[in-house]
C-alpha atoms as a PDB file:
ATOM      1  CA  ILE A   1     -70.407  88.072 -17.187  1.00  0.00           C
ATOM      2  CA  SER A   2     -70.629  89.722 -20.646  1.00  0.00           C
ATOM      3  CA  ALA A   3     -70.010  93.367 -21.471  1.00  0.00           C
ATOM      4  CA  THR A   4     -72.543  95.598 -23.875  1.00  0.00           C
ATOM      5  CA  GLY A   5     -73.101  99.321 -24.148  1.00  0.00           C
ATOM      6  CA  ASP A   6     -72.050 102.820 -24.984  1.00  0.00           C
ATOM      7  CA  LYS A   7     -69.759 103.074 -21.435  1.00  0.00           C
ATOM      8  CA  ASN A   8     -67.117 100.577 -23.236  1.00  0.00           C
ATOM      9  CA  LYS A   9     -66.816 102.034 -26.468  1.00  0.00           C
ATOM     10  CA  ASP A  10     -64.142 104.719 -26.329  1.00  0.00           C
ATOM     11  CA  ALA A  11     -60.780 103.531 -26.689  1.00  0.00           C
ATOM     12  CA  ASN A  12     -59.443 106.499 -25.396  1.00  0.00           C
ATOM     13  CA  HIS A  13     -61.273 105.972 -21.908  1.00  0.00           C
ATOM     14  CA  LEU A  14     -61.222 102.563 -20.498  1.00  0.00           C
ATOM     15  CA  LYS A  15     -63.773 101.192 -18.266  1.00  0.00           C
ATOM     16  CA  PRO A  16     -63.820  97.788 -16.383  1.00  0.00           C
ATOM     17  CA  LEU A  17     -66.407  95.447 -17.012  1.00  0.00           C
ATOM     18  CA  VAL A  18     -65.830  93.976 -13.539  1.00  0.00           C
ATOM     19  CA  GLN A  19     -63.868  96.068 -10.987  1.00  0.00           C
ATOM     20  CA  VAL A  20     -62.772  94.199  -7.965  1.00  0.00           C
ATOM     21  CA  GLY A  21     -62.224  96.784  -5.239  1.00  0.00           C
ATOM     22  CA  LEU A  22     -61.479 100.469  -5.308  1.00  0.00           C
ATOM     23  CA  PRO A  23     -57.948 101.315  -4.748  1.00  0.00           C
ATOM     24  CA  ARG A  24     -56.173 100.804  -1.842  1.00  0.00           C
ATOM     25  CA  SER A  25     -59.051  98.859  -0.381  1.00  0.00           C
ATOM     26  CA  THR A  26     -58.649  95.505   1.407  1.00  0.00           C
ATOM     27  CA  GLY A  27     -60.883  92.540   1.804  1.00  0.00           C
ATOM     28  CA  VAL A  28     -61.740  89.167   0.171  1.00  0.00           C
ATOM     29  CA  ALA A  29     -62.945  88.779  -3.517  1.00  0.00           C
ATOM     30  CA  GLN A  30     -62.736  85.127  -4.894  1.00  0.00           C
ATOM     31  CA  PHE A  31     -63.608  83.949  -8.495  1.00  0.00           C
ATOM     32  CA  VAL A  32     -64.210  80.175  -9.227  1.00  0.00           C
ATOM     33  CA  ASP A  33     -65.120  78.899 -12.791  1.00  0.00           C
ATOM     34  CA  MET A  34     -65.931  82.272 -14.188  1.00  0.00           C
ATOM     35  CA  LEU A  35     -65.959  83.565 -17.909  1.00  0.00           C
ATOM     36  CA  PHE A  36     -65.813  87.210 -18.803  1.00  0.00           C
ATOM     37  CA  THR A  37     -66.517  88.098 -22.298  1.00  0.00           C
ATOM     38  CA  VAL A  38     -68.266  90.989 -24.596  1.00  0.00           C
ATOM     39  CA  ALA A  39     -71.506  90.782 -26.442  1.00  0.00           C
ATOM     40  CA  ASP A  40     -70.518  93.777 -28.377  1.00  0.00           C
ATOM     41  CA  ILE A  41     -67.575  95.384 -30.290  1.00  0.00           C
ATOM     42  CA  LEU A  42     -66.210  97.268 -27.306  1.00  0.00           C
ATOM     43  CA  PRO A  43     -62.731  98.989 -27.721  1.00  0.00           C
ATOM     44  CA  GLY A  44     -62.645 100.921 -24.355  1.00  0.00           C
ATOM     45  CA  CYS A  45     -63.490  97.536 -22.309  1.00  0.00           C
ATOM     46  CA  LYS A  46     -60.977  96.192 -19.784  1.00  0.00           C
ATOM     47  CA  LEU A  47     -62.784  92.997 -18.827  1.00  0.00           C
ATOM     48  CA  VAL A  48     -61.492  92.772 -15.325  1.00  0.00           C
ATOM     49  CA  GLU A  49     -59.707  95.538 -13.237  1.00  0.00           C
ATOM     50  CA  VAL A  50     -58.279  94.620  -9.922  1.00  0.00           C
ATOM     51  CA  ASN A  51     -57.735  97.117  -7.141  1.00  0.00           C
ATOM     52  CA  MET A  52     -58.030  95.550  -3.789  1.00  0.00           C
ATOM     53  CA  ALA A  53     -55.519  93.588  -1.767  1.00  0.00           C
ATOM     54  CA  GLY A  54     -56.414  90.775   1.131  1.00  0.00           C
ATOM     55  CA  GLY A  55     -55.317  90.643   4.683  1.00  0.00           C
ATOM     56  CA  ARG A  56     -53.359  87.463   3.614  1.00  0.00           C
ATOM     57  CA  PRO A  57     -51.887  86.295   0.368  1.00  0.00           C
ATOM     58  CA  GLY A  58     -55.195  84.678  -1.706  1.00  0.00           C
ATOM     59  CA  ASP A  59     -57.719  86.592  -0.305  1.00  0.00           C
ATOM     60  CA  VAL A  60     -58.151  88.242  -3.815  1.00  0.00           C
ATOM     61  CA  GLY A  61     -58.259  85.262  -6.019  1.00  0.00           C
ATOM     62  CA  PHE A  62     -58.998  83.781  -9.228  1.00  0.00           C
ATOM     63  CA  TRP A  63     -59.159  79.967 -10.076  1.00  0.00           C
ATOM     64  CA  ASN A  64     -60.452  78.435 -13.414  1.00  0.00           C
ATOM     65  CA  THR A  65     -61.383  81.898 -14.411  1.00  0.00           C
ATOM     66  CA  HIS A  66     -61.332  82.805 -18.183  1.00  0.00           C
ATOM     67  CA  PHE A  67     -61.406  85.664 -20.678  1.00  0.00           C
ATOM     68  CA  ARG A  68     -63.224  85.024 -24.336  1.00  0.00           C
ATOM     69  CA  ILE A  69     -63.528  87.495 -26.998  1.00  0.00           C
ATOM     70  CA  GLY A  70     -65.645  86.424 -29.710  1.00  0.00           C
ATOM     71  CA  GLY A  71     -65.685  83.095 -31.378  1.00  0.00           C
ATOM     72  CA  ALA A  72     -69.013  82.041 -29.827  1.00  0.00           C
ATOM     73  CA  ARG A  73     -72.797  82.732 -29.957  1.00  0.00           C
ATOM     74  CA  GLY A  74     -74.336  85.382 -27.927  1.00  0.00           C
ATOM     75  CA  SER A  75     -71.702  88.369 -29.333  1.00  0.00           C
ATOM     76  CA  LYS A  76     -71.527  90.634 -32.231  1.00  0.00           C
ATOM     77  CA  VAL A  77     -67.815  89.907 -32.208  1.00  0.00           C
ATOM     78  CA  GLN A  78     -68.780  86.384 -33.646  1.00  0.00           C
ATOM     79  CA  THR A  79     -70.619  87.556 -36.620  1.00  0.00           C
ATOM     80  CA  GLN A  80     -69.061  91.231 -37.320  1.00  0.00           C
ATOM     81  CA  CYS A  81     -65.306  90.593 -36.942  1.00  0.00           C
ATOM     82  CA  SER A  82     -63.991  89.192 -40.111  1.00  0.00           C
ATOM     83  CA  ASP A  83     -61.583  92.155 -40.361  1.00  0.00           C
ATOM     84  CA  PRO A  84     -59.251  92.764 -37.506  1.00  0.00           C
ATOM     85  CA  ALA A  85     -59.018  96.457 -38.946  1.00  0.00           C
ATOM     86  CA  THR A  86     -62.815  97.425 -38.238  1.00  0.00           C
ATOM     87  CA  CYS A  87     -63.220  95.291 -35.349  1.00  0.00           C
ATOM     88  CA  ARG A  88     -61.408  96.574 -32.297  1.00  0.00           C
ATOM     89  CA  ALA A  89     -63.408  94.142 -29.953  1.00  0.00           C
ATOM     90  CA  ALA A  90     -61.904  94.677 -26.515  1.00  0.00           C
ATOM     91  CA  ARG A  91     -58.901  96.502 -25.055  1.00  0.00           C
ATOM     92  CA  MET A  92     -57.520  93.970 -22.437  1.00  0.00           C
ATOM     93  CA  CYS A  93     -58.370  90.933 -20.492  1.00  0.00           C
ATOM     94  CA  ALA A  94     -57.093  91.769 -16.954  1.00  0.00           C
ATOM     95  CA  HIS A  95     -55.274  94.888 -15.398  1.00  0.00           C
ATOM     96  CA  LEU A  96     -53.794  94.545 -12.030  1.00  0.00           C
ATOM     97  CA  THR A  97     -53.421  98.017 -10.811  1.00  0.00           C
ATOM     98  CA  ALA A  98     -50.700  99.243  -8.525  1.00  0.00           C
ATOM     99  CA  THR A  99     -52.710  98.776  -5.413  1.00  0.00           C
ATOM    100  CA  SER A 100     -53.842  95.213  -6.046  1.00  0.00           C
ATOM    101  CA  SER A 101     -52.538  91.955  -4.675  1.00  0.00           C
ATOM    102  CA  SER A 102     -53.971  88.848  -6.147  1.00  0.00           C
ATOM    103  CA  TYR A 103     -53.567  85.288  -6.825  1.00  0.00           C
ATOM    104  CA  TRP A 104     -54.393  83.736 -10.228  1.00  0.00           C
ATOM    105  CA  GLU A 105     -54.251  79.805 -10.916  1.00  0.00           C
ATOM    106  CA  ASN A 106     -55.387  78.291 -14.459  1.00  0.00           C
ATOM    107  CA  SER A 107     -56.737  81.671 -16.561  1.00  0.00           C
ATOM    108  CA  TRP A 108     -56.910  81.531 -20.171  1.00  0.00           C
ATOM    109  CA  CYS A 109     -57.193  84.845 -21.950  1.00  0.00           C
ATOM    110  CA  TRP A 110     -58.370  84.226 -25.643  1.00  0.00           C
ATOM    111  CA  SER A 111     -58.856  86.592 -28.414  1.00  0.00           C
ATOM    112  CA  ALA A 112     -60.731  84.138 -30.810  1.00  0.00           C
ATOM    113  CA  ASP A 113     -58.853  82.685 -33.968  1.00  0.00           C
ATOM    114  CA  HIS A 114     -61.692  80.328 -34.894  1.00  0.00           C
ATOM    115  CA  ASP A 115     -65.575  80.236 -34.388  1.00  0.00           C
ATOM    116  CA  LEU A 116     -66.631  77.551 -31.903  1.00  0.00           C
ATOM    117  CA  ASP A 117     -70.165  77.374 -32.527  1.00  0.00           C
ATOM    118  CA  ASP A 118     -70.667  78.454 -36.186  1.00  0.00           C
ATOM    119  CA  ASP A 119     -68.415  78.837 -39.371  1.00  0.00           C
ATOM    120  CA  ASN A 120     -68.057  82.999 -39.229  1.00  0.00           C
ATOM    121  CA  ALA A 121     -64.697  84.358 -39.990  1.00  0.00           C
ATOM    122  CA  ALA A 122     -63.064  85.208 -36.533  1.00  0.00           C
ATOM    123  CA  ASN A 123     -60.420  87.836 -36.818  1.00  0.00           C
ATOM    124  CA  PRO A 124     -61.347  90.181 -33.753  1.00  0.00           C
ATOM    125  CA  SER A 125     -58.515  92.559 -32.480  1.00  0.00           C
ATOM    126  CA  THR A 126     -58.111  92.629 -29.081  1.00  0.00           C
ATOM    127  CA  ALA A 127     -55.193  94.971 -27.709  1.00  0.00           C
ATOM    128  CA  SER A 128     -53.635  93.317 -25.159  1.00  0.00           C
ATOM    129  CA  GLY A 129     -53.739  90.405 -22.487  1.00  0.00           C
ATOM    130  CA  PHE A 130     -52.497  91.088 -18.727  1.00  0.00           C
ATOM    131  CA  LEU A 131     -51.162  94.292 -17.478  1.00  0.00           C
ATOM    132  CA  VAL A 132     -49.716  93.675 -14.024  1.00  0.00           C
ATOM    133  CA  GLU A 133     -48.660  96.919 -12.236  1.00  0.00           C
ATOM    134  CA  SER A 134     -49.105  95.634  -9.024  1.00  0.00           C
ATOM    135  CA  VAL A 135     -46.178  95.976  -6.254  1.00  0.00           C
ATOM    136  CA  LYS A 136     -47.896  94.353  -3.344  1.00  0.00           C
ATOM    137  CA  GLY A 137     -47.435  90.579  -4.317  1.00  0.00           C
ATOM    138  CA  THR A 138     -49.177  89.212  -7.501  1.00  0.00           C
ATOM    139  CA  TRP A 139     -49.016  85.131  -8.135  1.00  0.00           C
ATOM    140  CA  LEU A 140     -49.838  84.101 -11.995  1.00  0.00           C
ATOM    141  CA  LEU A 141     -49.692  80.581 -12.254  1.00  0.00           C
ATOM    142  CA  GLY A 142     -50.921  78.583 -15.446  1.00  0.00           C
ATOM    143  CA  ILE A 143     -51.491  81.559 -17.599  1.00  0.00           C
ATOM    144  CA  GLY A 144     -52.585  81.433 -21.180  1.00  0.00           C
ATOM    145  CA  THR A 145     -52.773  84.715 -23.100  1.00  0.00           C
ATOM    146  CA  GLU A 146     -53.261  84.301 -26.872  1.00  0.00           C
ATOM    147  CA  HIS A 147     -53.944  86.467 -30.149  1.00  0.00           C
ATOM    148  CA  ASN A 148     -53.658  90.034 -28.720  1.00  0.00           C
ATOM    149  CA  VAL A 149     -52.272  92.693 -30.790  1.00  0.00           C
ATOM    150  CA  LEU A 150     -49.932  94.642 -28.657  1.00  0.00           C
ATOM    151  CA  TYR A 151     -48.626  92.012 -26.093  1.00  0.00           C
ATOM    152  CA  GLN A 152     -49.802  88.944 -23.947  1.00  0.00           C
ATOM    153  CA  MET A 153     -48.205  89.615 -20.729  1.00  0.00           C
ATOM    154  CA  ASN A 154     -47.235  93.236 -19.663  1.00  0.00           C
ATOM    155  CA  ILE A 155     -45.173  93.776 -16.283  1.00  0.00           C
ATOM    156  CA  HIS A 156     -44.974  97.263 -15.862  1.00  0.00           C
ATOM    157  CA  LYS A 157     -43.628  99.328 -12.709  1.00  0.00           C
ATOM    158  CA  ALA A 158     -44.381  96.193 -10.788  1.00  0.00           C
ATOM    159  CA  GLN A 159     -42.510  94.347  -8.024  1.00  0.00           C
ATOM    160  CA  ASN A 160     -42.912  91.181  -6.110  1.00  0.00           C
ATOM    161  CA  VAL A 161     -44.417  89.117  -9.441  1.00  0.00           C
ATOM    162  CA  PHE A 162     -44.280  85.371  -9.415  1.00  0.00           C
ATOM    163  CA  LEU A 163     -45.235  83.948 -13.135  1.00  0.00           C
ATOM    164  CA  GLY A 164     -45.241  80.176 -13.689  1.00  0.00           C
ATOM    165  CA  PHE A 165     -46.480  77.973 -16.390  1.00  0.00           C
ATOM    166  CA  GLN A 166     -46.984  80.627 -19.344  1.00  0.00           C
ATOM    167  CA  GLN A 167     -48.255  79.869 -22.863  1.00  0.00           C
ATOM    168  CA  SER A 168     -49.027  82.470 -25.490  1.00  0.00           C
ATOM    169  CA  GLU A 169     -49.667  82.737 -29.289  1.00  0.00           C
ATOM    170  CA  THR A 170     -49.524  85.774 -31.576  1.00  0.00           C
ATOM    171  CA  PRO A 171     -52.625  86.744 -33.542  1.00  0.00           C
ATOM    172  CA  TYR A 172     -52.858  84.531 -36.646  1.00  0.00           C
ATOM    173  CA  TRP A 173     -53.240  87.181 -39.071  1.00  0.00           C
ATOM    174  CA  GLN A 174     -49.985  88.820 -37.842  1.00  0.00           C
ATOM    175  CA  GLY A 175     -46.583  88.303 -39.637  1.00  0.00           C
ATOM    176  CA  ASN A 176     -45.832  87.654 -43.310  1.00  0.00           C
ATOM    177  CA  ASN A 177     -48.344  88.801 -45.800  1.00  0.00           C
ATOM    178  CA  SER A 178     -50.018  90.880 -43.153  1.00  0.00           C
ATOM    179  CA  GLY A 179     -51.851  94.290 -44.164  1.00  0.00           C
ATOM    180  CA  LEU A 180     -51.886  95.315 -40.668  1.00  0.00           C
ATOM    181  CA  LEU A 181     -48.814  95.623 -38.698  1.00  0.00           C
ATOM    182  CA  ALA A 182     -48.794  96.372 -35.106  1.00  0.00           C
ATOM    183  CA  PRO A 183     -49.241  98.770 -33.157  1.00  0.00           C
ATOM    184  CA  ARG A 184     -52.281  99.048 -35.829  1.00  0.00           C
ATOM    185  CA  PRO A 185     -55.514  99.186 -35.184  1.00  0.00           C
ATOM    186  CA  TRP A 186     -54.671 100.612 -31.762  1.00  0.00           C
ATOM    187  CA  GLN A 187     -51.831 103.077 -32.417  1.00  0.00           C
ATOM    188  CA  ASP A 188     -53.949 105.998 -31.803  1.00  0.00           C
ATOM    189  CA  SER A 189     -55.092 104.912 -28.188  1.00  0.00           C
ATOM    190  CA  LEU A 190     -52.073 103.781 -26.664  1.00  0.00           C
ATOM    191  CA  LEU A 191     -51.282 103.625 -22.913  1.00  0.00           C
ATOM    192  CA  GLU A 192     -47.909 104.780 -21.426  1.00  0.00           C
ATOM    193  CA  SER A 193     -47.374 101.012 -20.480  1.00  0.00           C
ATOM    194  CA  ASP A 194     -47.649  99.725 -24.246  1.00  0.00           C
ATOM    195  CA  PRO A 195     -45.206  98.732 -26.603  1.00  0.00           C
ATOM    196  CA  ASP A 196     -45.155 100.974 -29.495  1.00  0.00           C
ATOM    197  CA  LEU A 197     -42.757  98.341 -31.489  1.00  0.00           C
ATOM    198  CA  SER A 198     -40.682 101.520 -32.400  1.00  0.00           C
ATOM    199  CA  TRP A 199     -37.528  99.003 -32.523  1.00  0.00           C
ATOM    200  CA  CYS A 200     -39.010  97.441 -35.708  1.00  0.00           C
ATOM    201  CA  ALA A 201     -38.805  98.942 -39.136  1.00  0.00           C
ATOM    202  CA  GLU A 202     -41.967 100.215 -40.575  1.00  0.00           C
ATOM    203  CA  ASP A 203     -42.482  97.401 -42.897  1.00  0.00           C
ATOM    204  CA  ASP A 204     -41.164  94.487 -41.018  1.00  0.00           C
ATOM    205  CA  ALA A 205     -44.077  92.559 -40.530  1.00  0.00           C
ATOM    206  CA  GLN A 206     -42.099  89.577 -38.863  1.00  0.00           C
ATOM    207  CA  CYS A 207     -41.280  92.314 -36.189  1.00  0.00           C
ATOM    208  CA  ARG A 208     -44.392  93.995 -35.828  1.00  0.00           C
ATOM    209  CA  MET A 209     -46.449  91.512 -34.033  1.00  0.00           C
ATOM    210  CA  GLY A 210     -47.857  91.076 -30.436  1.00  0.00           C
ATOM    211  CA  VAL A 211     -44.984  90.807 -27.967  1.00  0.00           C
ATOM    212  CA  TYR A 212     -45.322  87.873 -25.387  1.00  0.00           C
ATOM    213  CA  GLN A 213     -43.906  89.069 -22.528  1.00  0.00           C
ATOM    214  CA  TYR A 214     -43.035  92.716 -21.916  1.00  0.00           C
ATOM    215  CA  VAL A 215     -41.121  94.201 -18.929  1.00  0.00           C
ATOM    216  CA  THR A 216     -40.471  97.678 -18.381  1.00  0.00           C
ATOM    217  CA  LYS A 217     -39.495  99.756 -14.978  1.00  0.00           C
ATOM    218  CA  SER A 218     -40.070  96.577 -12.972  1.00  0.00           C
END
């Protein structure tokens, strides 16, 4: 499932590509062997937003379901993202809202660091990986989140969260000799849940890199 269009281009008004249920809804929604991506440069796109809970644990679930931002044919992010300062490709992979309850097993959120299909320079800027705000019960098992600017996994105002087998990498263009220190290029559209890295010195490139796991008010 791939996103395109003006609906997802405003970094200050986020819209989901796939919305799983309405807030406080209950039901069954299960995703198996799925890929979510973007066909355009969409700084206002949340690829998946989960609002619903199930009657039983696992009724809302994701198995072998992955996120890919750029790095492959079929997207402008493959051919127009040599510079992360000008390519804010997507906002986040998944937002598990306060009213959600979901089970995740084997999910990879990847913002490309290389071109899988051709030989383009791949440096998209994706703001964030998983934002977990659920209080009803969330299970995350075998989760990889890589190369997102602000954080890979964010547990914010959440309760009853299980995390196991985690893996991550910061963006390869961050760190020493980087001219683009986090939270840039997303500094003008930060959410209340986002780390602003204010604990870092302004010029500390080692510190101003994507946080792996950020836990607040949880």
